[in-house]
Amino acid sequence: FPGTVVSVNEKAIDPFTGFERELDIVTKKCIIEVKGKKVRHCLIQFQAQKRLAELKNKAHIVFAPNILSSTQYDYEKNGIKFANNFET
């Protein structure tokens, strides 16, 4: 699904806030945000990344293999999509 990698750690200006954002992995079809253990309290960041991805006509996915299922559920209620391993 993700397609060919176009860039890694790309800098982009968020048109909604004017702040610079770092896009972890950009492919032809999506923007992938990679998160380790610190996934709590990231909803605003994920929503901003998702808006930016949508402006570029790309999907937005958060790759977070260590996320707690309750935290993932809370984010998914707000429209954030997750991948927990390389198969999903």
PDB file of N, CA and C in Angstrom:
ATOM      1  N   PHE A   1       0.786  -1.218   0.000  1.00  0.00           N
ATOM      2  CA  PHE A   1       0.000   0.000   0.000  1.00  0.00           C
ATOM      3  C   PHE A   1       0.829   1.284   0.000  1.00  0.00           C
ATOM      4  N   PRO A   2       1.851   1.416   0.862  1.00  0.00           N
ATOM      5  CA  PRO A   2       2.510   2.727   0.947  1.00  0.00           C
ATOM      6  C   PRO A   2       3.183   3.206  -0.329  1.00  0.00           C
ATOM      7  N   GLY A   3       3.671   2.300  -1.152  1.00  0.00           N
ATOM      8  CA  GLY A   3       4.321   2.735  -2.380  1.00  0.00           C
ATOM      9  C   GLY A   3       5.797   3.035  -2.189  1.00  0.00           C
ATOM     10  N   THR A   4       6.386   3.647  -3.177  1.00  0.00           N
ATOM     11  CA  THR A   4       7.811   3.960  -3.200  1.00  0.00           C
ATOM     12  C   THR A   4       8.129   5.130  -2.275  1.00  0.00           C
ATOM     13  N   VAL A   5       9.213   5.000  -1.512  1.00  0.00           N
ATOM     14  CA  VAL A   5       9.631   6.082  -0.619  1.00  0.00           C
ATOM     15  C   VAL A   5      10.145   7.248  -1.446  1.00  0.00           C
ATOM     16  N   VAL A   6       9.624   8.442  -1.163  1.00  0.00           N
ATOM     17  CA  VAL A   6      10.018   9.664  -1.852  1.00  0.00           C
ATOM     18  C   VAL A   6      11.024  10.434  -1.010  1.00  0.00           C
ATOM     19  N   SER A   7      10.778  10.502   0.311  1.00  0.00           N
ATOM     20  CA  SER A   7      11.706  11.211   1.190  1.00  0.00           C
ATOM     21  C   SER A   7      11.562  10.720   2.624  1.00  0.00           C
ATOM     22  N   VAL A   8      12.583  11.023   3.419  1.00  0.00           N
ATOM     23  CA  VAL A   8      12.608  10.683   4.839  1.00  0.00           C
ATOM     24  C   VAL A   8      12.968  11.958   5.603  1.00  0.00           C
ATOM     25  N   ASN A   9      12.247  12.204   6.683  1.00  0.00           N
ATOM     26  CA  ASN A   9      12.449  13.409   7.506  1.00  0.00           C
ATOM     27  C   ASN A   9      12.337  14.693   6.686  1.00  0.00           C
ATOM     28  N   GLU A  10      11.341  14.743   5.843  1.00  0.00           N
ATOM     29  CA  GLU A  10      11.092  15.924   5.006  1.00  0.00           C
ATOM     30  C   GLU A  10      10.519  17.054   5.861  1.00  0.00           C
ATOM     31  N   LYS A  11      10.976  18.248   5.640  1.00  0.00           N
ATOM     32  CA  LYS A  11      10.447  19.436   6.322  1.00  0.00           C
ATOM     33  C   LYS A  11       9.339  20.030   5.472  1.00  0.00           C
ATOM     34  N   ALA A  12       8.238  20.393   6.134  1.00  0.00           N
ATOM     35  CA  ALA A  12       7.117  20.998   5.429  1.00  0.00           C
ATOM     36  C   ALA A  12       6.496  22.064   6.323  1.00  0.00           C
ATOM     37  N   ILE A  13       5.978  23.115   5.719  1.00  0.00           N
ATOM     38  CA  ILE A  13       5.294  24.168   6.461  1.00  0.00           C
ATOM     39  C   ILE A  13       3.808  23.807   6.527  1.00  0.00           C
ATOM     40  N   ASP A  14       3.280  23.765   7.735  1.00  0.00           N
ATOM     41  CA  ASP A  14       1.867  23.493   7.937  1.00  0.00           C
ATOM     42  C   ASP A  14       1.086  24.753   7.543  1.00  0.00           C
ATOM     43  N   PRO A  15       0.272  24.687   6.494  1.00  0.00           N
ATOM     44  CA  PRO A  15      -0.428  25.887   6.039  1.00  0.00           C
ATOM     45  C   PRO A  15      -1.485  26.383   7.027  1.00  0.00           C
ATOM     46  N   PHE A  16      -1.896  25.535   7.955  1.00  0.00           N
ATOM     47  CA  PHE A  16      -2.913  25.928   8.926  1.00  0.00           C
ATOM     48  C   PHE A  16      -2.311  26.716  10.093  1.00  0.00           C
ATOM     49  N   THR A  17      -1.060  26.381  10.462  1.00  0.00           N
ATOM     50  CA  THR A  17      -0.438  27.025  11.623  1.00  0.00           C
ATOM     51  C   THR A  17       0.765  27.886  11.257  1.00  0.00           C
ATOM     52  N   GLY A  18       1.368  27.616  10.101  1.00  0.00           N
ATOM     53  CA  GLY A  18       2.578  28.316   9.707  1.00  0.00           C
ATOM     54  C   GLY A  18       3.838  27.738  10.324  1.00  0.00           C
ATOM     55  N   PHE A  19       3.685  26.692  11.137  1.00  0.00           N
ATOM     56  CA  PHE A  19       4.838  26.059  11.775  1.00  0.00           C
ATOM     57  C   PHE A  19       5.439  24.993  10.868  1.00  0.00           C
ATOM     58  N   GLU A  20       6.729  24.775  11.043  1.00  0.00           N
ATOM     59  CA  GLU A  20       7.407  23.715  10.300  1.00  0.00           C
ATOM     60  C   GLU A  20       7.099  22.372  10.941  1.00  0.00           C
ATOM     61  N   ARG A  21       6.861  21.372  10.117  1.00  0.00           N
ATOM     62  CA  ARG A  21       6.612  20.009  10.575  1.00  0.00           C
ATOM     63  C   ARG A  21       7.614  19.090   9.911  1.00  0.00           C
ATOM     64  N   GLU A  22       7.955  18.034  10.606  1.00  0.00           N
ATOM     65  CA  GLU A  22       8.824  17.025  10.023  1.00  0.00           C
ATOM     66  C   GLU A  22       7.983  15.809   9.668  1.00  0.00           C
ATOM     67  N   LEU A  23       8.040  15.420   8.406  1.00  0.00           N
ATOM     68  CA  LEU A  23       7.314  14.253   7.925  1.00  0.00           C
ATOM     69  C   LEU A  23       8.298  13.090   7.916  1.00  0.00           C
ATOM     70  N   ASP A  24       8.039  12.085   8.755  1.00  0.00           N
ATOM     71  CA  ASP A  24       9.008  11.003   8.935  1.00  0.00           C
ATOM     72  C   ASP A  24       9.301  10.248   7.641  1.00  0.00           C
ATOM     73  N   ILE A  25       8.263   9.688   7.034  1.00  0.00           N
ATOM     74  CA  ILE A  25       8.441   8.950   5.773  1.00  0.00           C
ATOM     75  C   ILE A  25       7.346   9.398   4.806  1.00  0.00           C
ATOM     76  N   VAL A  26       7.752   9.839   3.637  1.00  0.00           N
ATOM     77  CA  VAL A  26       6.803  10.253   2.603  1.00  0.00           C
ATOM     78  C   VAL A  26       6.950   9.287   1.440  1.00  0.00           C
ATOM     79  N   THR A  27       5.834   8.683   1.054  1.00  0.00           N
ATOM     80  CA  THR A  27       5.830   7.817  -0.125  1.00  0.00           C
ATOM     81  C   THR A  27       4.942   8.470  -1.177  1.00  0.00           C
ATOM     82  N   LYS A  28       4.820   7.814  -2.315  1.00  0.00           N
ATOM     83  CA  LYS A  28       3.965   8.362  -3.363  1.00  0.00           C
ATOM     84  C   LYS A  28       2.503   8.386  -2.944  1.00  0.00           C
ATOM     85  N   LYS A  29       2.123   7.487  -2.002  1.00  0.00           N
ATOM     86  CA  LYS A  29       0.713   7.371  -1.635  1.00  0.00           C
ATOM     87  C   LYS A  29       0.370   7.822  -0.226  1.00  0.00           C
ATOM     88  N   CYS A  30       1.365   7.942   0.653  1.00  0.00           N
ATOM     89  CA  CYS A  30       1.017   8.287   2.031  1.00  0.00           C
ATOM     90  C   CYS A  30       2.171   8.945   2.780  1.00  0.00           C
ATOM     91  N   ILE A  31       1.813   9.478   3.942  1.00  0.00           N
ATOM     92  CA  ILE A  31       2.790  10.002   4.887  1.00  0.00           C
ATOM     93  C   ILE A  31       2.709   9.127   6.124  1.00  0.00           C
ATOM     94  N   ILE A  32       3.859   8.611   6.542  1.00  0.00           N
ATOM     95  CA  ILE A  32       3.915   7.700   7.681  1.00  0.00           C
ATOM     96  C   ILE A  32       4.635   8.390   8.823  1.00  0.00           C
ATOM     97  N   GLU A  33       3.947   8.500   9.944  1.00  0.00           N
ATOM     98  CA  GLU A  33       4.522   9.043  11.172  1.00  0.00           C
ATOM     99  C   GLU A  33       5.002   7.856  11.994  1.00  0.00           C
ATOM    100  N   VAL A  34       6.262   7.840  12.356  1.00  0.00           N
ATOM    101  CA  VAL A  34       6.830   6.730  13.118  1.00  0.00           C
ATOM    102  C   VAL A  34       6.949   7.146  14.574  1.00  0.00           C
ATOM    103  N   LYS A  35       6.387   6.327  15.467  1.00  0.00           N
ATOM    104  CA  LYS A  35       6.431   6.624  16.897  1.00  0.00           C
ATOM    105  C   LYS A  35       6.927   5.405  17.666  1.00  0.00           C
ATOM    106  N   GLY A  36       7.774   5.663  18.642  1.00  0.00           N
ATOM    107  CA  GLY A  36       8.248   4.598  19.527  1.00  0.00           C
ATOM    108  C   GLY A  36       7.299   4.463  20.694  1.00  0.00           C
ATOM    109  N   LYS A  37       7.808   4.640  21.895  1.00  0.00           N
ATOM    110  CA  LYS A  37       6.988   4.463  23.087  1.00  0.00           C
ATOM    111  C   LYS A  37       6.174   5.694  23.445  1.00  0.00           C
ATOM    112  N   LYS A  38       6.615   6.877  23.069  1.00  0.00           N
ATOM    113  CA  LYS A  38       5.916   8.105  23.450  1.00  0.00           C
ATOM    114  C   LYS A  38       4.800   8.417  22.460  1.00  0.00           C
ATOM    115  N   VAL A  39       3.657   7.809  22.693  1.00  0.00           N
ATOM    116  CA  VAL A  39       2.532   7.977  21.786  1.00  0.00           C
ATOM    117  C   VAL A  39       1.382   8.712  22.476  1.00  0.00           C
ATOM    118  N   ARG A  40       1.444   8.839  23.777  1.00  0.00           N
ATOM    119  CA  ARG A  40       0.377   9.529  24.498  1.00  0.00           C
ATOM    120  C   ARG A  40       0.488  11.031  24.258  1.00  0.00           C
ATOM    121  N   HIS A  41      -0.644  11.697  24.269  1.00  0.00           N
ATOM    122  CA  HIS A  41      -0.719  13.151  24.131  1.00  0.00           C
ATOM    123  C   HIS A  41      -0.208  13.643  22.771  1.00  0.00           C
ATOM    124  N   CYS A  42      -0.443  12.871  21.728  1.00  0.00           N
ATOM    125  CA  CYS A  42       0.013  13.252  20.385  1.00  0.00           C
ATOM    126  C   CYS A  42      -1.141  13.537  19.426  1.00  0.00           C
ATOM    127  N   LEU A  43      -2.372  13.598  19.930  1.00  0.00           N
ATOM    128  CA  LEU A  43      -3.522  13.737  19.043  1.00  0.00           C
ATOM    129  C   LEU A  43      -3.431  14.978  18.159  1.00  0.00           C
ATOM    130  N   ILE A  44      -3.080  16.114  18.722  1.00  0.00           N
ATOM    131  CA  ILE A  44      -3.006  17.352  17.930  1.00  0.00           C
ATOM    132  C   ILE A  44      -1.950  17.217  16.835  1.00  0.00           C
ATOM    133  N   GLN A  45      -0.807  16.618  17.174  1.00  0.00           N
ATOM    134  CA  GLN A  45       0.247  16.400  16.183  1.00  0.00           C
ATOM    135  C   GLN A  45      -0.251  15.481  15.069  1.00  0.00           C
ATOM    136  N   PHE A  46      -0.898  14.383  15.438  1.00  0.00           N
ATOM    137  CA  PHE A  46      -1.380  13.436  14.429  1.00  0.00           C
ATOM    138  C   PHE A  46      -2.446  14.075  13.541  1.00  0.00           C
ATOM    139  N   GLN A  47      -3.333  14.864  14.128  1.00  0.00           N
ATOM    140  CA  GLN A  47      -4.369  15.514  13.331  1.00  0.00           C
ATOM    141  C   GLN A  47      -3.759  16.530  12.362  1.00  0.00           C
ATOM    142  N   ALA A  48      -2.742  17.252  12.796  1.00  0.00           N
ATOM    143  CA  ALA A  48      -2.070  18.212  11.911  1.00  0.00           C
ATOM    144  C   ALA A  48      -1.369  17.484  10.767  1.00  0.00           C
ATOM    145  N   GLN A  49      -0.701  16.371  11.081  1.00  0.00           N
ATOM    146  CA  GLN A  49      -0.035  15.582  10.032  1.00  0.00           C
ATOM    147  C   GLN A  49      -1.068  15.036   9.044  1.00  0.00           C
ATOM    148  N   LYS A  50      -2.214  14.600   9.575  1.00  0.00           N
ATOM    149  CA  LYS A  50      -3.258  14.061   8.711  1.00  0.00           C
ATOM    150  C   LYS A  50      -3.790  15.133   7.766  1.00  0.00           C
ATOM    151  N   ARG A  51      -4.035  16.345   8.275  1.00  0.00           N
ATOM    152  CA  ARG A  51      -4.491  17.454   7.411  1.00  0.00           C
ATOM    153  C   ARG A  51      -3.476  17.755   6.321  1.00  0.00           C
ATOM    154  N   LEU A  52      -2.207  17.765   6.700  1.00  0.00           N
ATOM    155  CA  LEU A  52      -1.145  18.033   5.731  1.00  0.00           C
ATOM    156  C   LEU A  52      -1.107  16.943   4.661  1.00  0.00           C
ATOM    157  N   ALA A  53      -1.249  15.688   5.077  1.00  0.00           N
ATOM    158  CA  ALA A  53      -1.274  14.572   4.124  1.00  0.00           C
ATOM    159  C   ALA A  53      -2.454  14.711   3.168  1.00  0.00           C
ATOM    160  N   GLU A  54      -3.612  15.058   3.702  1.00  0.00           N
ATOM    161  CA  GLU A  54      -4.801  15.207   2.866  1.00  0.00           C
ATOM    162  C   GLU A  54      -4.646  16.338   1.851  1.00  0.00           C
ATOM    163  N   LEU A  55      -3.964  17.415   2.243  1.00  0.00           N
ATOM    164  CA  LEU A  55      -3.699  18.498   1.295  1.00  0.00           C
ATOM    165  C   LEU A  55      -2.840  18.035   0.129  1.00  0.00           C
ATOM    166  N   LYS A  56      -1.987  17.038   0.396  1.00  0.00           N
ATOM    167  CA  LYS A  56      -1.116  16.495  -0.647  1.00  0.00           C
ATOM    168  C   LYS A  56      -1.752  15.279  -1.334  1.00  0.00           C
ATOM    169  N   ASN A  57      -3.038  15.027  -1.057  1.00  0.00           N
ATOM    170  CA  ASN A  57      -3.776  13.875  -1.604  1.00  0.00           C
ATOM    171  C   ASN A  57      -3.108  12.551  -1.256  1.00  0.00           C
ATOM    172  N   LYS A  58      -2.673  12.444  -0.011  1.00  0.00           N
ATOM    173  CA  LYS A  58      -2.028  11.230   0.471  1.00  0.00           C
ATOM    174  C   LYS A  58      -2.763  10.719   1.706  1.00  0.00           C
ATOM    175  N   ALA A  59      -2.624   9.437   1.962  1.00  0.00           N
ATOM    176  CA  ALA A  59      -3.148   8.850   3.199  1.00  0.00           C
ATOM    177  C   ALA A  59      -2.178   9.179   4.336  1.00  0.00           C
ATOM    178  N   HIS A  60      -2.647   9.085   5.561  1.00  0.00           N
ATOM    179  CA  HIS A  60      -1.805   9.312   6.736  1.00  0.00           C
ATOM    180  C   HIS A  60      -1.879   8.081   7.626  1.00  0.00           C
ATOM    181  N   ILE A  61      -0.716   7.558   8.005  1.00  0.00           N
ATOM    182  CA  ILE A  61      -0.641   6.372   8.866  1.00  0.00           C
ATOM    183  C   ILE A  61       0.381   6.636   9.959  1.00  0.00           C
ATOM    184  N   VAL A  62       0.057   6.206  11.173  1.00  0.00           N
ATOM    185  CA  VAL A  62       1.011   6.268  12.275  1.00  0.00           C
ATOM    186  C   VAL A  62       1.500   4.845  12.511  1.00  0.00           C
ATOM    187  N   PHE A  63       2.805   4.635  12.387  1.00  0.00           N
ATOM    188  CA  PHE A  63       3.402   3.330  12.690  1.00  0.00           C
ATOM    189  C   PHE A  63       3.889   3.389  14.129  1.00  0.00           C
ATOM    190  N   ALA A  64       3.205   2.636  15.002  1.00  0.00           N
ATOM    191  CA  ALA A  64       3.524   2.662  16.436  1.00  0.00           C
ATOM    192  C   ALA A  64       3.412   1.250  16.997  1.00  0.00           C
ATOM    193  N   PRO A  65       4.481   0.466  16.907  1.00  0.00           N
ATOM    194  CA  PRO A  65       4.408  -0.930  17.353  1.00  0.00           C
ATOM    195  C   PRO A  65       4.206  -1.103  18.855  1.00  0.00           C
ATOM    196  N   ASN A  66       4.517  -0.095  19.654  1.00  0.00           N
ATOM    197  CA  ASN A  66       4.423  -0.237  21.113  1.00  0.00           C
ATOM    198  C   ASN A  66       3.231   0.484  21.727  1.00  0.00           C
ATOM    199  N   ILE A  67       2.284   0.909  20.934  1.00  0.00           N
ATOM    200  CA  ILE A  67       1.152   1.669  21.452  1.00  0.00           C
ATOM    201  C   ILE A  67       0.219   0.755  22.251  1.00  0.00           C
ATOM    202  N   LEU A  68      -0.312   1.285  23.336  1.00  0.00           N
ATOM    203  CA  LEU A  68      -1.303   0.564  24.118  1.00  0.00           C
ATOM    204  C   LEU A  68      -2.612   0.518  23.334  1.00  0.00           C
ATOM    205  N   SER A  69      -3.309  -0.589  23.405  1.00  0.00           N
ATOM    206  CA  SER A  69      -4.545  -0.717  22.626  1.00  0.00           C
ATOM    207  C   SER A  69      -5.579   0.330  23.032  1.00  0.00           C
ATOM    208  N   SER A  70      -5.636   0.707  24.303  1.00  0.00           N
ATOM    209  CA  SER A  70      -6.596   1.734  24.731  1.00  0.00           C
ATOM    210  C   SER A  70      -6.242   3.096  24.138  1.00  0.00           C
ATOM    211  N   THR A  71      -4.963   3.413  24.063  1.00  0.00           N
ATOM    212  CA  THR A  71      -4.525   4.676  23.462  1.00  0.00           C
ATOM    213  C   THR A  71      -4.829   4.678  21.967  1.00  0.00           C
ATOM    214  N   GLN A  72      -4.544   3.567  21.317  1.00  0.00           N
ATOM    215  CA  GLN A  72      -4.825   3.455  19.884  1.00  0.00           C
ATOM    216  C   GLN A  72      -6.317   3.636  19.633  1.00  0.00           C
ATOM    217  N   TYR A  73      -7.136   3.020  20.442  1.00  0.00           N
ATOM    218  CA  TYR A  73      -8.591   3.131  20.293  1.00  0.00           C
ATOM    219  C   TYR A  73      -9.038   4.591  20.394  1.00  0.00           C
ATOM    220  N   ASP A  74      -8.504   5.320  21.378  1.00  0.00           N
ATOM    221  CA  ASP A  74      -8.854   6.735  21.551  1.00  0.00           C
ATOM    222  C   ASP A  74      -8.491   7.555  20.313  1.00  0.00           C
ATOM    223  N   TYR A  75      -7.304   7.309  19.747  1.00  0.00           N
ATOM    224  CA  TYR A  75      -6.889   8.047  18.556  1.00  0.00           C
ATOM    225  C   TYR A  75      -7.744   7.665  17.347  1.00  0.00           C
ATOM    226  N   GLU A  76      -8.038   6.378  17.213  1.00  0.00           N
ATOM    227  CA  GLU A  76      -8.817   5.933  16.063  1.00  0.00           C
ATOM    228  C   GLU A  76     -10.221   6.516  16.083  1.00  0.00           C
ATOM    229  N   LYS A  77     -10.763   6.797  17.264  1.00  0.00           N
ATOM    230  CA  LYS A  77     -12.066   7.460  17.360  1.00  0.00           C
ATOM    231  C   LYS A  77     -12.002   8.855  16.739  1.00  0.00           C
ATOM    232  N   ASN A  78     -10.796   9.418  16.670  1.00  0.00           N
ATOM    233  CA  ASN A  78     -10.586  10.745  16.083  1.00  0.00           C
ATOM    234  C   ASN A  78     -10.056  10.677  14.657  1.00  0.00           C
ATOM    235  N   GLY A  79     -10.160   9.507  14.025  1.00  0.00           N
ATOM    236  CA  GLY A  79      -9.819   9.386  12.612  1.00  0.00           C
ATOM    237  C   GLY A  79      -8.364   9.093  12.286  1.00  0.00           C
ATOM    238  N   ILE A  80      -7.554   8.762  13.286  1.00  0.00           N
ATOM    239  CA  ILE A  80      -6.142   8.460  13.041  1.00  0.00           C
ATOM    240  C   ILE A  80      -5.988   6.965  12.775  1.00  0.00           C
ATOM    241  N   LYS A  81      -5.282   6.617  11.696  1.00  0.00           N
ATOM    242  CA  LYS A  81      -5.073   5.198  11.337  1.00  0.00           C
ATOM    243  C   LYS A  81      -3.703   4.755  11.823  1.00  0.00           C
ATOM    244  N   PHE A  82      -3.645   3.513  12.303  1.00  0.00           N
ATOM    245  CA  PHE A  82      -2.409   2.969  12.856  1.00  0.00           C
ATOM    246  C   PHE A  82      -1.991   1.685  12.158  1.00  0.00           C
ATOM    247  N   ALA A  83      -0.690   1.457  12.183  1.00  0.00           N
ATOM    248  CA  ALA A  83      -0.090   0.173  11.817  1.00  0.00           C
ATOM    249  C   ALA A  83       0.800  -0.209  12.991  1.00  0.00           C
ATOM    250  N   ASN A  84       0.670  -1.440  13.463  1.00  0.00           N
ATOM    251  CA  ASN A  84       1.451  -1.882  14.612  1.00  0.00           C
ATOM    252  C   ASN A  84       2.593  -2.816  14.226  1.00  0.00           C
ATOM    253  N   ASN A  85       2.568  -3.269  12.983  1.00  0.00           N
ATOM    254  CA  ASN A  85       3.638  -4.137  12.502  1.00  0.00           C
ATOM    255  C   ASN A  85       3.747  -3.951  10.997  1.00  0.00           C
ATOM    256  N   PHE A  86       4.682  -4.624  10.390  1.00  0.00           N
ATOM    257  CA  PHE A  86       4.919  -4.430   8.956  1.00  0.00           C
ATOM    258  C   PHE A  86       3.887  -5.117   8.080  1.00  0.00           C
ATOM    259  N   GLU A  87       3.067  -5.993   8.667  1.00  0.00           N
ATOM    260  CA  GLU A  87       2.068  -6.720   7.879  1.00  0.00           C
ATOM    261  C   GLU A  87       0.768  -5.948   7.747  1.00  0.00           C
ATOM    262  N   THR A  88       0.493  -4.984   8.646  1.00  0.00           N
ATOM    263  CA  THR A  88      -0.785  -4.274   8.596  1.00  0.00           C
ATOM    264  C   THR A  88      -0.716  -3.057   7.722  1.00  0.00           C
TER     265      THR A  88
END
